[in-house]
Amino acid sequence: MVQVNIHGVILTPLKKIENPKGDVYHALKNTDAGYTGFGEAYFSTVKSGEIKGWKKHEAMTMNLIVPVGSIKFVLYDVREESPTNGQFMEIVLSNENYCRLTVPPNVLMAFQGTGPSLNLLLNLADIPHDPSESKNISLDEIDYNWETGFFKEISKVTAWTCVSYVNFLLNFLMVRR
């Protein structure tokens, strides 16, 4: 498990079990960090280059997995009480970077299909979908450049993959010894 730069957001590398007849992809156990209950599971697709968002769930914790294709997620912490209020985070999940992204309530999220064809995400939500607990915000309301990863408000978004973040931590720990 890796906790990234927005308070309460968790990035968890997931296990894939290879099998000549077809692989097994782990997703979520009730003993995993980030599991806060089960409400529903649903899939969403996003076409290559298309962007969905911004959206903020006020009660739902999302557990996002991308088993097919590649999706770039951009998160923005708008929680006034959060120690990371005003911070942004960017992460690409894919079959090659197979992780679970746990997003707590009240964090804005948008995502873009970055794979060449079908890009599929699975959300293992802790509550059933309820349109009254979520807010949609126009993409134009947050000035973010989807090609460069730059926000006007800050110089550069922190972008991590599970592998690079784990390598960074290992190198950091080795230096600190």
Protein backbone atom coordinates (compact mmCIF):
# COMPACT_ATOMS: atom_id res chain seq x y z
CA MET A 1 0.00 0.00 0.00
CA VAL A 2 1.23 3.48 -0.87
CA GLN A 3 -0.31 6.72 0.37
CA VAL A 4 0.20 9.53 -2.10
CA ASN A 5 0.29 13.31 -1.83
CA ILE A 6 -3.40 14.01 -1.11
CA HIS A 7 -4.53 13.20 2.42
CA GLY A 8 -6.66 10.05 2.49
CA VAL A 9 -5.92 9.02 -1.10
CA ILE A 10 -4.37 5.57 -1.22
CA LEU A 11 -2.60 3.90 -4.13
CA THR A 12 -2.38 0.13 -3.71
CA PRO A 13 -0.42 -2.11 -6.12
CA LEU A 14 -2.61 -5.08 -7.02
CA LYS A 15 -1.75 -8.68 -7.77
CA LYS A 16 -2.21 -10.27 -11.18
CA ILE A 17 -1.97 -14.04 -11.38
CA GLU A 18 -0.90 -15.15 -14.84
CA ASN A 19 -2.50 -18.24 -16.29
CA PRO A 20 -2.12 -19.57 -19.85
CA LYS A 21 -5.91 -19.81 -20.14
CA GLY A 22 -6.53 -16.27 -18.82
CA ASP A 23 -5.21 -14.15 -15.97
CA VAL A 24 -6.77 -13.41 -12.57
CA TYR A 25 -6.83 -9.75 -11.44
CA HIS A 26 -7.24 -8.98 -7.76
CA ALA A 27 -9.37 -5.94 -6.88
CA LEU A 28 -10.43 -5.46 -3.24
CA LYS A 29 -10.77 -7.49 -0.05
CA ASN A 30 -12.74 -6.41 3.00
CA THR A 31 -9.44 -6.47 4.92
CA ASP A 32 -7.70 -3.97 2.57
CA ALA A 33 -6.88 -0.37 3.44
CA GLY A 34 -9.46 1.80 1.74
CA TYR A 35 -12.29 -0.68 2.22
CA THR A 36 -15.07 1.15 4.06
CA GLY A 37 -17.98 -1.04 3.03
CA PHE A 38 -19.72 -2.20 -0.11
CA GLY A 39 -22.51 -0.33 -1.84
CA GLU A 40 -22.12 -1.22 -5.50
CA ALA A 41 -19.65 -2.04 -8.25
CA TYR A 42 -19.91 -0.47 -11.67
CA PHE A 43 -17.86 -0.13 -14.83
CA SER A 44 -17.35 3.01 -16.87
CA THR A 45 -15.63 3.42 -20.22
CA VAL A 46 -13.87 6.47 -21.61
CA LYS A 47 -12.81 6.77 -25.23
CA SER A 48 -9.20 7.56 -26.14
CA GLY A 49 -8.52 11.27 -25.64
CA GLU A 50 -11.94 11.95 -24.10
CA ILE A 51 -12.24 13.47 -20.60
CA LYS A 52 -14.92 12.88 -17.96
CA GLY A 53 -15.27 15.12 -14.92
CA TRP A 54 -14.96 17.09 -12.77
CA LYS A 55 -16.98 15.26 -10.13
CA LYS A 56 -17.06 15.30 -6.35
CA HIS A 57 -18.81 12.68 -4.24
CA GLU A 58 -19.84 14.04 -0.85
CA ALA A 59 -20.37 10.65 0.82
CA MET A 60 -18.91 7.96 -1.49
CA THR A 61 -15.43 6.48 -1.16
CA MET A 62 -14.32 5.27 -4.59
CA ASN A 63 -11.97 2.34 -5.17
CA LEU A 64 -10.92 2.71 -8.81
CA ILE A 65 -9.22 0.01 -10.90
CA VAL A 66 -8.35 -0.02 -14.62
CA PRO A 67 -8.15 -3.63 -15.88
CA VAL A 68 -8.33 -2.69 -19.58
CA GLY A 69 -6.73 0.23 -21.39
CA SER A 70 -5.14 3.22 -19.68
CA ILE A 71 -6.75 6.10 -17.79
CA LYS A 72 -5.19 9.27 -16.38
CA PHE A 73 -6.87 10.45 -13.17
CA VAL A 74 -6.48 13.99 -11.88
CA LEU A 75 -7.52 14.69 -8.29
CA TYR A 76 -7.94 18.07 -6.60
CA ASP A 77 -8.34 18.35 -2.82
CA VAL A 78 -11.05 20.92 -2.07
CA ARG A 79 -11.72 19.80 1.52
CA GLU A 80 -11.29 22.86 3.73
CA GLU A 81 -10.27 20.79 6.78
CA SER A 82 -7.73 18.72 4.86
CA PRO A 83 -3.98 19.26 5.43
CA THR A 84 -3.57 18.94 1.64
CA ASN A 85 -6.34 21.39 0.72
CA GLY A 86 -5.61 22.97 -2.66
CA GLN A 87 -3.21 20.23 -3.82
CA PHE A 88 -3.49 18.31 -7.08
CA MET A 89 -2.43 14.79 -7.99
CA GLU A 90 -2.15 12.95 -11.27
CA ILE A 91 -1.85 9.18 -11.79
CA VAL A 92 -2.18 6.84 -14.76
CA LEU A 93 -3.67 3.41 -14.05
CA SER A 94 -3.51 0.62 -16.61
CA ASN A 95 -2.91 -3.08 -17.06
CA GLU A 96 0.83 -2.30 -16.87
CA ASN A 97 0.39 -0.09 -13.77
CA TYR A 98 -2.23 -2.27 -12.12
CA CYS A 99 -3.20 -0.53 -8.87
CA ARG A 100 -6.28 0.48 -6.92
CA LEU A 101 -6.81 4.20 -6.38
CA THR A 102 -8.88 4.91 -3.27
CA VAL A 103 -10.44 8.38 -3.32
CA PRO A 104 -12.20 9.65 -0.18
CA PRO A 105 -15.32 11.82 -0.27
CA ASN A 106 -15.11 15.51 -1.26
CA VAL A 107 -12.05 15.21 -3.50
CA LEU A 108 -12.67 16.44 -7.06
CA MET A 109 -11.79 13.98 -9.81
CA ALA A 110 -11.62 13.98 -13.60
CA PHE A 111 -10.20 11.32 -15.88
CA GLN A 112 -9.05 10.88 -19.46
CA GLY A 113 -8.81 7.81 -21.68
CA THR A 114 -5.14 7.45 -22.60
CA GLY A 115 -5.18 3.98 -24.15
CA PRO A 116 -5.61 3.57 -27.91
CA SER A 117 -9.04 1.92 -27.79
CA LEU A 118 -11.24 0.70 -24.94
CA ASN A 119 -10.41 2.19 -21.54
CA LEU A 120 -12.40 0.54 -18.75
CA LEU A 121 -12.55 1.44 -15.08
CA LEU A 122 -14.17 -0.40 -12.23
CA ASN A 123 -15.43 1.53 -9.20
CA LEU A 124 -15.99 -0.53 -6.06
CA ALA A 125 -18.00 2.07 -4.17
CA ASP A 126 -18.84 1.92 -0.48
CA ILE A 127 -22.41 3.19 -1.03
CA PRO A 128 -24.91 2.76 -3.86
CA HIS A 129 -24.80 5.55 -6.43
CA ASP A 130 -27.01 8.46 -5.42
CA PRO A 131 -27.04 11.50 -7.74
CA SER A 132 -27.95 13.77 -4.81
CA GLU A 133 -24.60 13.09 -3.05
CA SER A 134 -22.42 14.09 -6.00
CA LYS A 135 -21.65 17.38 -7.70
CA ASN A 136 -20.55 17.81 -11.31
CA ILE A 137 -18.32 20.73 -12.25
CA SER A 138 -17.55 21.80 -15.81
CA LEU A 139 -14.07 20.94 -17.11
CA ASP A 140 -13.63 24.67 -17.86
CA GLU A 141 -13.97 25.64 -14.19
CA ILE A 142 -10.55 24.20 -13.26
CA ASP A 143 -7.74 25.33 -15.52
CA TYR A 144 -5.81 22.16 -16.23
CA ASN A 145 -3.87 21.31 -19.39
CA TRP A 146 -4.55 17.63 -20.12
CA GLU A 147 -1.57 17.41 -22.51
CA THR A 148 1.14 18.83 -20.24
CA GLY A 149 -0.24 18.13 -16.78
CA PHE A 150 0.06 21.77 -15.71
CA PHE A 151 -2.32 23.75 -13.55
CA LYS A 152 -2.25 27.52 -13.59
CA GLU A 153 -2.28 27.62 -9.79
CA ILE A 154 0.89 25.51 -9.34
CA SER A 155 3.97 24.80 -11.41
CA LYS A 156 3.67 21.04 -11.97
CA VAL A 157 1.37 18.23 -10.88
CA THR A 158 2.95 15.36 -9.02
CA ALA A 159 2.66 12.30 -11.23
CA TRP A 160 3.49 8.88 -9.82
CA THR A 161 3.13 5.34 -10.93
CA CYS A 162 3.05 2.57 -8.36
CA VAL A 163 6.46 1.37 -9.48
CA SER A 164 8.17 4.78 -9.54
CA TYR A 165 6.74 5.75 -6.16
CA VAL A 166 7.84 2.50 -4.53
CA ASN A 167 11.31 2.91 -6.11
CA PHE A 168 11.47 6.47 -4.81
CA LEU A 169 10.61 5.32 -1.29
CA LEU A 170 13.13 2.48 -1.39
CA ASN A 171 15.89 4.82 -2.59
CA PHE A 172 14.96 7.36 0.05
CA LEU A 173 15.08 4.76 2.79
CA MET A 174 18.45 3.45 1.56
CA VAL A 175 19.91 6.99 1.65
CA ARG A 176 18.55 7.59 5.17
CA ARG A 177 20.31 4.48 6.57
